[in-house]
Amino acid sequence: MNLRLTLASACIALAMPAAAQLTPVTPSVTGGTASAAAQPAGISGTVTDSNGGIVPGAHVVLNGSSPSDELTAISNGNGGFAFDNLRPGVPYRISISADGFANWTSPAMVLNPGQYLILTGASLKIAGSSTSITVSAASSQLQLASEQVHMEEQQRVLGVIPNFYVVYDHHPAPLTARLKFRLAMKAEMDPVTILGEGFVAGLDQEGATPDYTEGARGYFERFGAIYADGFTDIMFGGAILPSLLHQDPRYYYQGTGTTRSRLLHALSSPFVCMGDNGRPQPNYSSVGGDLISGAISNAYYPQSNRGAKLVFVNAGLTTGGRMVNNVVQEFLLKRLTPSARNRTE
């Protein structure tokens, strides 16, 4: 293995599971005290009609306990709206209106510090209809987890490169096994991921590594090997093992605290993850997935490249690439991901 394989690992890291992280550390102290209540909260949702179609241009008003809490938004082209930097402990209500639809006002919602509440079931009825508009907070953990995954599937660096395996909510709902497989398949089957793997195969072709033949046949053999490496790693490390071991394969964006704490948070992610029970635990899924993927590569790499060295070098490169990727996630990629740029930290 050489420098190009290291680059290969880094190039495909964004589309691979960046294992979840320890519970976010307490924000840095200001003036000698730190208050969890100072962490802002947020609310977002999607406005749809009774048939499930999106409703862009709806007028959304958020009201709190005082006139200064009032905020307004217009649902975007995907029917989405969001209110950030809200005060925790304040009873908020949301009113939605749109031309041709009946108006509706939500029940009161009180947010916890740092909570990012996602409203689901926002279905507007045609004005004059006997049925009313229904907008409610997630009625179950499954609904909330599904909505969060849907938001993560929209996350793309510069609006192009998949950035699905990072969660910006400090209190996400646990993923079901089905959602873990869905996220893994979404990442690995994305056209941009495949194009990136094709580019890395070209670099390997130039460097004549691994020891496949040259020419078009050698290129496609290298491309197949890179794709198989990514597929087995994301399926075992991002879906199969996390489902069996009840672990979260995503990277938990910290966003607050000292530079040192955020750096340690990112670098330790391949080795410590968040369990589905909300507690940190050894990241058997990430480490195991990398080793299993490295072992499977012995089945299709050239005979001259096979052996224990292939297993541990491939696993080490993948783990190292994940660590680098998570550092970039923590300090840069949120700013370059349009759908996440305005999320509260």
Protein backbone atom coordinates (compact mmCIF):
# COMPACT_ATOMS: atom_id res chain seq x y z
CA MET A 1 0.00 0.00 0.00
CA ASN A 2 1.26 3.52 -0.66
CA LEU A 3 0.30 7.16 -0.36
CA ARG A 4 -2.42 6.79 -2.97
CA LEU A 5 -4.25 4.29 -0.81
CA THR A 6 -4.14 6.79 2.00
CA LEU A 7 -5.68 9.34 -0.35
CA ALA A 8 -8.26 6.75 -1.40
CA SER A 9 -9.31 6.29 2.19
CA ALA A 10 -9.66 10.04 2.70
CA CYS A 11 -11.59 10.56 -0.54
CA ILE A 12 -14.33 8.06 0.31
CA ALA A 13 -14.46 8.85 4.03
CA LEU A 14 -17.37 11.29 3.69
CA ALA A 15 -19.61 8.55 2.34
CA MET A 16 -18.62 6.04 5.02
CA PRO A 17 -19.90 5.80 8.59
CA ALA A 18 -18.06 8.13 10.91
CA ALA A 19 -18.88 6.41 14.18
CA ALA A 20 -20.85 8.29 16.80
CA GLN A 21 -19.09 10.05 19.59
CA LEU A 22 -19.09 10.61 23.30
CA THR A 23 -21.79 12.77 24.77
CA PRO A 24 -20.92 16.36 23.76
CA VAL A 25 -18.75 18.01 26.35
CA THR A 26 -19.94 20.98 28.36
CA PRO A 27 -19.45 24.24 26.48
CA SER A 28 -16.45 26.31 27.48
CA VAL A 29 -16.83 28.39 30.63
CA THR A 30 -17.55 32.07 30.25
CA GLY A 31 -17.05 34.39 33.17
CA GLY A 32 -16.27 31.48 35.48
CA THR A 33 -19.62 29.69 35.12
CA ALA A 34 -21.26 27.36 32.62
CA SER A 35 -25.00 26.98 32.28
CA ALA A 36 -26.70 24.25 30.28
CA ALA A 37 -29.72 26.54 30.09
CA ALA A 38 -27.67 28.90 27.92
CA GLN A 39 -27.66 26.37 25.08
CA PRO A 40 -30.16 27.55 22.43
CA ALA A 41 -32.80 25.25 21.02
CA GLY A 42 -34.52 24.99 17.65
CA ILE A 43 -37.64 23.82 15.83
CA SER A 44 -37.99 22.71 12.22
CA GLY A 45 -40.59 20.93 10.12
CA THR A 46 -42.07 20.38 6.67
CA VAL A 47 -45.44 21.66 5.47
CA THR A 48 -47.42 19.28 3.25
CA ASP A 49 -50.95 19.03 1.92
CA SER A 50 -53.41 16.25 2.70
CA ASN A 51 -52.01 14.11 -0.12
CA GLY A 52 -48.44 14.39 1.10
CA GLY A 53 -47.37 17.00 -1.43
CA ILE A 54 -45.06 19.75 -0.22
CA VAL A 55 -46.45 23.25 0.35
CA PRO A 56 -43.82 25.90 -0.47
CA GLY A 57 -44.49 29.53 0.37
CA ALA A 58 -46.54 28.83 3.51
CA HIS A 59 -46.38 31.57 6.16
CA VAL A 60 -45.08 30.14 9.44
CA VAL A 61 -45.21 32.20 12.65
CA LEU A 62 -43.57 31.23 15.94
CA ASN A 63 -44.92 32.86 19.12
CA GLY A 64 -43.39 32.62 22.60
CA SER A 65 -44.19 34.09 25.99
CA SER A 66 -43.40 37.67 24.95
CA PRO A 67 -43.65 39.75 21.75
CA SER A 68 -39.86 39.63 21.39
CA ASP A 69 -40.09 35.85 20.90
CA GLU A 70 -42.15 36.17 17.70
CA LEU A 71 -40.40 34.93 14.56
CA THR A 72 -41.67 34.34 11.04
CA ALA A 73 -40.55 32.14 8.18
CA ILE A 74 -41.68 31.12 4.71
CA SER A 75 -41.56 27.42 3.86
CA ASN A 76 -38.91 26.81 1.21
CA GLY A 77 -39.14 24.92 -2.06
CA ASN A 78 -39.14 21.63 -0.16
CA GLY A 79 -41.84 22.82 2.24
CA GLY A 80 -39.31 23.15 5.05
CA PHE A 81 -39.00 25.78 7.73
CA ALA A 82 -36.71 26.23 10.74
CA PHE A 83 -36.35 28.46 13.78
CA ASP A 84 -32.93 28.51 15.46
CA ASN A 85 -31.44 30.03 18.60
CA LEU A 86 -34.66 29.68 20.62
CA ARG A 87 -34.78 30.02 24.39
CA PRO A 88 -35.28 26.74 26.28
CA GLY A 89 -38.07 26.55 28.85
CA VAL A 90 -40.32 28.94 26.91
CA PRO A 91 -43.74 27.72 25.68
CA TYR A 92 -43.80 28.19 21.91
CA ARG A 93 -46.69 27.87 19.48
CA ILE A 94 -46.51 27.69 15.70
CA SER A 95 -49.17 29.02 13.35
CA ILE A 96 -49.22 28.09 9.67
CA SER A 97 -51.19 29.72 6.87
CA ALA A 98 -51.14 29.34 3.09
CA ASP A 99 -53.34 30.48 0.24
CA GLY A 100 -56.20 28.07 -0.29
CA PHE A 101 -55.65 26.24 3.01
CA ALA A 102 -57.16 26.54 6.47
CA ASN A 103 -55.07 28.16 9.19
CA TRP A 104 -53.78 26.22 12.18
CA THR A 105 -52.07 26.90 15.52
CA SER A 106 -50.07 24.27 17.35
CA PRO A 107 -50.28 23.30 21.02
CA ALA A 108 -47.62 24.78 23.29
CA MET A 109 -44.13 23.22 22.97
CA VAL A 110 -41.45 23.67 25.63
CA LEU A 111 -37.88 22.94 24.50
CA ASN A 112 -34.99 21.60 26.53
CA PRO A 113 -31.54 23.25 26.40
CA GLY A 114 -29.80 22.29 23.16
CA GLN A 115 -32.87 20.43 21.83
CA TYR A 116 -33.68 20.57 18.11
CA LEU A 117 -37.35 19.61 17.82
CA ILE A 118 -38.63 18.32 14.48
CA LEU A 119 -42.35 18.69 13.82
CA THR A 120 -43.96 15.94 11.75
CA GLY A 121 -47.41 15.42 10.27
CA ALA A 122 -47.84 19.01 9.07
CA SER A 123 -50.71 18.32 6.69
CA LEU A 124 -52.71 21.36 5.55
CA LYS A 125 -56.33 20.86 4.55
CA ILE A 126 -58.03 22.81 1.80
CA ALA A 127 -59.96 25.82 3.12
CA GLY A 128 -63.58 24.92 3.79
CA SER A 129 -62.82 21.24 4.32
CA SER A 130 -64.49 19.63 7.32
CA THR A 131 -61.21 18.27 8.60
CA SER A 132 -58.68 20.47 10.35
CA ILE A 133 -54.96 20.93 9.86
CA THR A 134 -52.84 18.53 11.87
CA VAL A 135 -49.38 19.60 12.97
CA SER A 136 -47.80 17.82 15.92
CA ALA A 137 -44.43 16.98 17.41
CA ALA A 138 -43.08 13.54 16.65
CA SER A 139 -45.46 11.07 18.25
CA SER A 140 -42.84 8.39 18.55
CA GLN A 141 -39.10 7.90 18.53
CA LEU A 142 -39.40 6.13 15.18
CA GLN A 143 -41.04 9.14 13.54
CA LEU A 144 -38.41 11.46 14.95
CA ALA A 145 -35.53 9.19 13.89
CA SER A 146 -36.99 8.89 10.37
CA GLU A 147 -37.28 12.66 10.04
CA GLN A 148 -33.73 13.16 11.28
CA VAL A 149 -32.36 10.62 8.78
CA HIS A 150 -34.33 12.34 6.02
CA MET A 151 -32.62 15.63 6.95
CA GLU A 152 -29.21 13.94 7.03
CA GLU A 153 -29.81 12.56 3.54
CA GLN A 154 -30.09 16.15 2.28
CA GLN A 155 -26.68 17.11 3.70
CA ARG A 156 -24.14 17.67 0.93
CA VAL A 157 -20.86 19.57 1.08
CA LEU A 158 -21.11 22.49 -1.36
CA GLY A 159 -24.51 21.06 -2.22
CA VAL A 160 -22.85 18.12 -4.04
CA ILE A 161 -20.68 15.75 -1.96
CA PRO A 162 -22.64 13.39 0.36
CA ASN A 163 -22.29 14.27 4.04
CA PHE A 164 -24.88 11.89 5.46
CA TYR A 165 -23.07 10.41 8.46
CA VAL A 166 -22.98 13.47 10.72
CA VAL A 167 -25.77 14.47 13.10
CA TYR A 168 -26.04 18.07 14.34
CA ASP A 169 -28.77 17.47 16.93
CA HIS A 170 -27.21 16.90 20.35
CA HIS A 171 -30.15 14.69 21.34
CA PRO A 172 -31.00 12.53 18.30
CA ALA A 173 -33.48 9.69 18.42
CA PRO A 174 -31.91 6.21 18.23
CA LEU A 175 -31.82 4.64 14.77
CA THR A 176 -33.67 1.43 14.03
CA ALA A 177 -31.86 -1.34 12.16
CA ARG A 178 -33.87 -0.45 9.07
CA LEU A 179 -32.73 3.18 9.21
CA LYS A 180 -29.10 2.12 9.66
CA PHE A 181 -29.28 -0.02 6.51
CA ARG A 182 -31.13 2.74 4.65
CA LEU A 183 -28.45 5.30 5.47
CA ALA A 184 -25.64 2.91 4.51
CA MET A 185 -27.19 2.09 1.14
CA LYS A 186 -27.98 5.74 0.46
CA ALA A 187 -24.34 6.70 1.03
CA GLU A 188 -22.72 3.87 -0.93
CA MET A 189 -25.11 4.01 -3.91
CA ASP A 190 -24.91 7.79 -4.31
CA PRO A 191 -23.64 8.73 -7.80
CA VAL A 192 -21.12 11.20 -6.35
CA THR A 193 -19.66 8.45 -4.14
CA ILE A 194 -19.27 6.18 -7.17
CA LEU A 195 -17.62 8.95 -9.19
CA GLY A 196 -15.20 9.58 -6.33
CA GLU A 197 -14.28 5.90 -6.20
CA GLY A 198 -13.71 5.96 -9.95
CA PHE A 199 -11.34 8.91 -9.52
CA VAL A 200 -9.38 7.08 -6.81
CA ALA A 201 -9.20 4.01 -9.07
CA GLY A 202 -7.52 6.23 -11.65
CA LEU A 203 -4.91 7.28 -9.10
CA ASP A 204 -4.27 3.65 -8.23
CA GLN A 205 -3.99 2.85 -11.93
CA GLU A 206 -1.31 5.50 -12.31
CA GLY A 207 0.55 4.14 -9.28
CA ALA A 208 0.15 0.50 -10.44
CA THR A 209 -1.33 -0.55 -7.10
CA PRO A 210 -2.64 -3.06 -6.16
CA ASP A 211 -0.90 -5.53 -8.48
CA TYR A 212 -3.61 -5.82 -11.11
CA THR A 213 -2.85 -5.71 -14.83
CA GLU A 214 -2.55 -2.42 -16.71
CA GLY A 215 -4.94 -1.00 -19.28
CA ALA A 216 -8.74 -0.81 -19.14
CA ARG A 217 -9.03 -4.21 -17.47
CA GLY A 218 -6.69 -3.16 -14.69
CA TYR A 219 -8.62 0.08 -14.14
CA PHE A 220 -11.95 -1.69 -13.74
CA GLU A 221 -10.39 -4.29 -11.45
CA ARG A 222 -9.07 -1.49 -9.25
CA PHE A 223 -12.40 0.31 -9.36
CA GLY A 224 -14.18 -2.91 -8.38
CA ALA A 225 -11.79 -3.43 -5.47
CA ILE A 226 -12.28 0.12 -4.19
CA TYR A 227 -16.05 -0.14 -4.49
CA ALA A 228 -16.07 -3.52 -2.73
CA ASP A 229 -13.89 -2.13 0.06
CA GLY A 230 -16.29 0.76 0.60
CA PHE A 231 -19.40 -1.41 0.36
CA THR A 232 -18.25 -4.07 2.83
CA ASP A 233 -16.95 -1.46 5.27
CA ILE A 234 -20.11 0.64 5.28
CA MET A 235 -22.40 -2.39 5.48
CA PHE A 236 -20.54 -4.08 8.33
CA GLY A 237 -19.38 -0.95 10.16
CA GLY A 238 -22.43 1.20 9.44
CA ALA A 239 -25.36 -1.23 9.37
CA ILE A 240 -24.83 -4.90 10.31
CA LEU A 241 -22.68 -4.55 13.43
CA PRO A 242 -24.44 -1.38 14.67
CA SER A 243 -27.77 -3.21 14.36
CA LEU A 244 -26.51 -6.31 16.19
CA LEU A 245 -24.63 -4.34 18.86
CA HIS A 246 -27.17 -1.49 19.17
CA GLN A 247 -24.65 1.23 18.34
CA ASP A 248 -25.00 4.49 16.40
CA PRO A 249 -22.68 4.68 13.34
CA ARG A 250 -22.99 8.46 12.91
CA TYR A 251 -20.58 11.21 13.93
CA TYR A 252 -22.02 13.51 16.60
CA TYR A 253 -21.03 17.08 15.78
CA GLN A 254 -19.94 18.86 18.98
CA GLY A 255 -19.64 22.43 17.75
CA THR A 256 -18.97 23.97 21.17
CA GLY A 257 -16.19 23.90 23.75
CA THR A 258 -12.47 24.46 23.39
CA THR A 259 -10.55 23.60 20.25
CA ARG A 260 -8.74 20.88 22.17
CA SER A 261 -11.96 19.22 23.37
CA ARG A 262 -13.43 19.28 19.89
CA LEU A 263 -10.25 17.84 18.40
CA LEU A 264 -10.20 14.99 20.94
CA HIS A 265 -13.89 14.43 20.30
CA ALA A 266 -13.25 13.97 16.58
CA LEU A 267 -10.09 11.86 16.84
CA SER A 268 -11.56 9.41 19.36
CA SER A 269 -14.72 8.70 17.35
CA PRO A 270 -13.49 5.47 15.68
CA PHE A 271 -12.90 4.01 19.14
CA VAL A 272 -15.77 5.34 21.27
CA CYS A 273 -19.37 5.60 20.04
CA MET A 274 -22.84 6.34 21.30
CA GLY A 275 -25.04 3.35 21.92
CA ASP A 276 -28.71 3.24 21.02
CA ASN A 277 -29.31 3.64 24.76
CA GLY A 278 -27.73 7.11 24.62
CA ARG A 279 -24.58 6.11 26.49
CA PRO A 280 -20.96 6.09 25.25
CA GLN A 281 -19.37 2.68 24.75
CA PRO A 282 -16.41 1.03 22.97
CA ASN A 283 -16.91 1.33 19.24
CA TYR A 284 -16.88 -2.34 18.32
CA SER A 285 -18.87 -1.58 15.15
CA SER A 286 -16.33 0.77 13.59
CA VAL A 287 -13.24 -1.25 14.53
CA GLY A 288 -14.91 -4.55 13.67
CA GLY A 289 -16.26 -3.25 10.37
CA ASP A 290 -12.81 -2.05 9.27
CA LEU A 291 -11.20 -5.40 10.15
CA ILE A 292 -13.95 -7.47 8.50
CA SER A 293 -13.76 -5.37 5.34
CA GLY A 294 -9.97 -5.76 5.29
CA ALA A 295 -10.30 -9.53 5.69
CA ILE A 296 -12.85 -9.81 2.88
CA SER A 297 -10.52 -7.90 0.54
CA ASN A 298 -8.29 -10.99 0.51
CA ALA A 299 -10.93 -12.65 -1.65
CA TYR A 300 -10.50 -10.28 -4.61
CA TYR A 301 -7.11 -8.55 -4.32
CA PRO A 302 -4.25 -10.03 -6.42
CA GLN A 303 -2.49 -12.99 -4.84
CA SER A 304 0.68 -10.96 -4.41
CA ASN A 305 -1.15 -8.44 -2.21
CA ARG A 306 -3.05 -10.87 0.02
CA GLY A 307 -2.29 -11.82 3.59
CA ALA A 308 -2.57 -10.47 7.11
CA LYS A 309 -0.76 -7.30 6.09
CA LEU A 310 -3.55 -6.45 3.65
CA VAL A 311 -6.16 -6.81 6.41
CA PHE A 312 -4.44 -4.55 8.91
CA VAL A 313 -3.13 -1.99 6.41
CA ASN A 314 -6.56 -1.56 4.82
CA ALA A 315 -8.24 -1.37 8.24
CA GLY A 316 -5.63 1.10 9.49
CA LEU A 317 -5.97 3.34 6.45
CA THR A 318 -9.75 3.35 6.73
CA THR A 319 -9.66 4.15 10.44
CA GLY A 320 -7.09 6.89 9.89
CA GLY A 321 -9.12 8.35 7.06
CA ARG A 322 -12.18 8.39 9.31
CA MET A 323 -10.26 10.27 12.03
CA VAL A 324 -9.11 12.90 9.52
CA ASN A 325 -12.61 13.18 8.09
CA ASN A 326 -14.13 13.75 11.54
CA VAL A 327 -11.68 16.54 12.31
CA VAL A 328 -12.70 18.20 9.04
CA GLN A 329 -16.36 17.59 9.97
CA GLU A 330 -15.93 19.26 13.33
CA PHE A 331 -14.17 22.40 12.13
CA LEU A 332 -15.11 22.99 8.49
CA LEU A 333 -17.79 20.96 6.74
CA LYS A 334 -20.83 22.39 8.51
CA ARG A 335 -20.02 25.78 6.97
CA LEU A 336 -19.85 24.14 3.53
CA THR A 337 -23.08 22.15 3.91
CA PRO A 338 -25.98 24.46 2.97
CA SER A 339 -28.75 22.41 4.61
CA ALA A 340 -26.84 22.33 7.92
CA ARG A 341 -25.31 25.80 7.97
CA ASN A 342 -28.09 27.37 10.02
CA ARG A 343 -28.59 24.53 12.48
CA THR A 344 -28.17 25.50 16.11
CA GLU A 345 -25.06 24.25 17.88
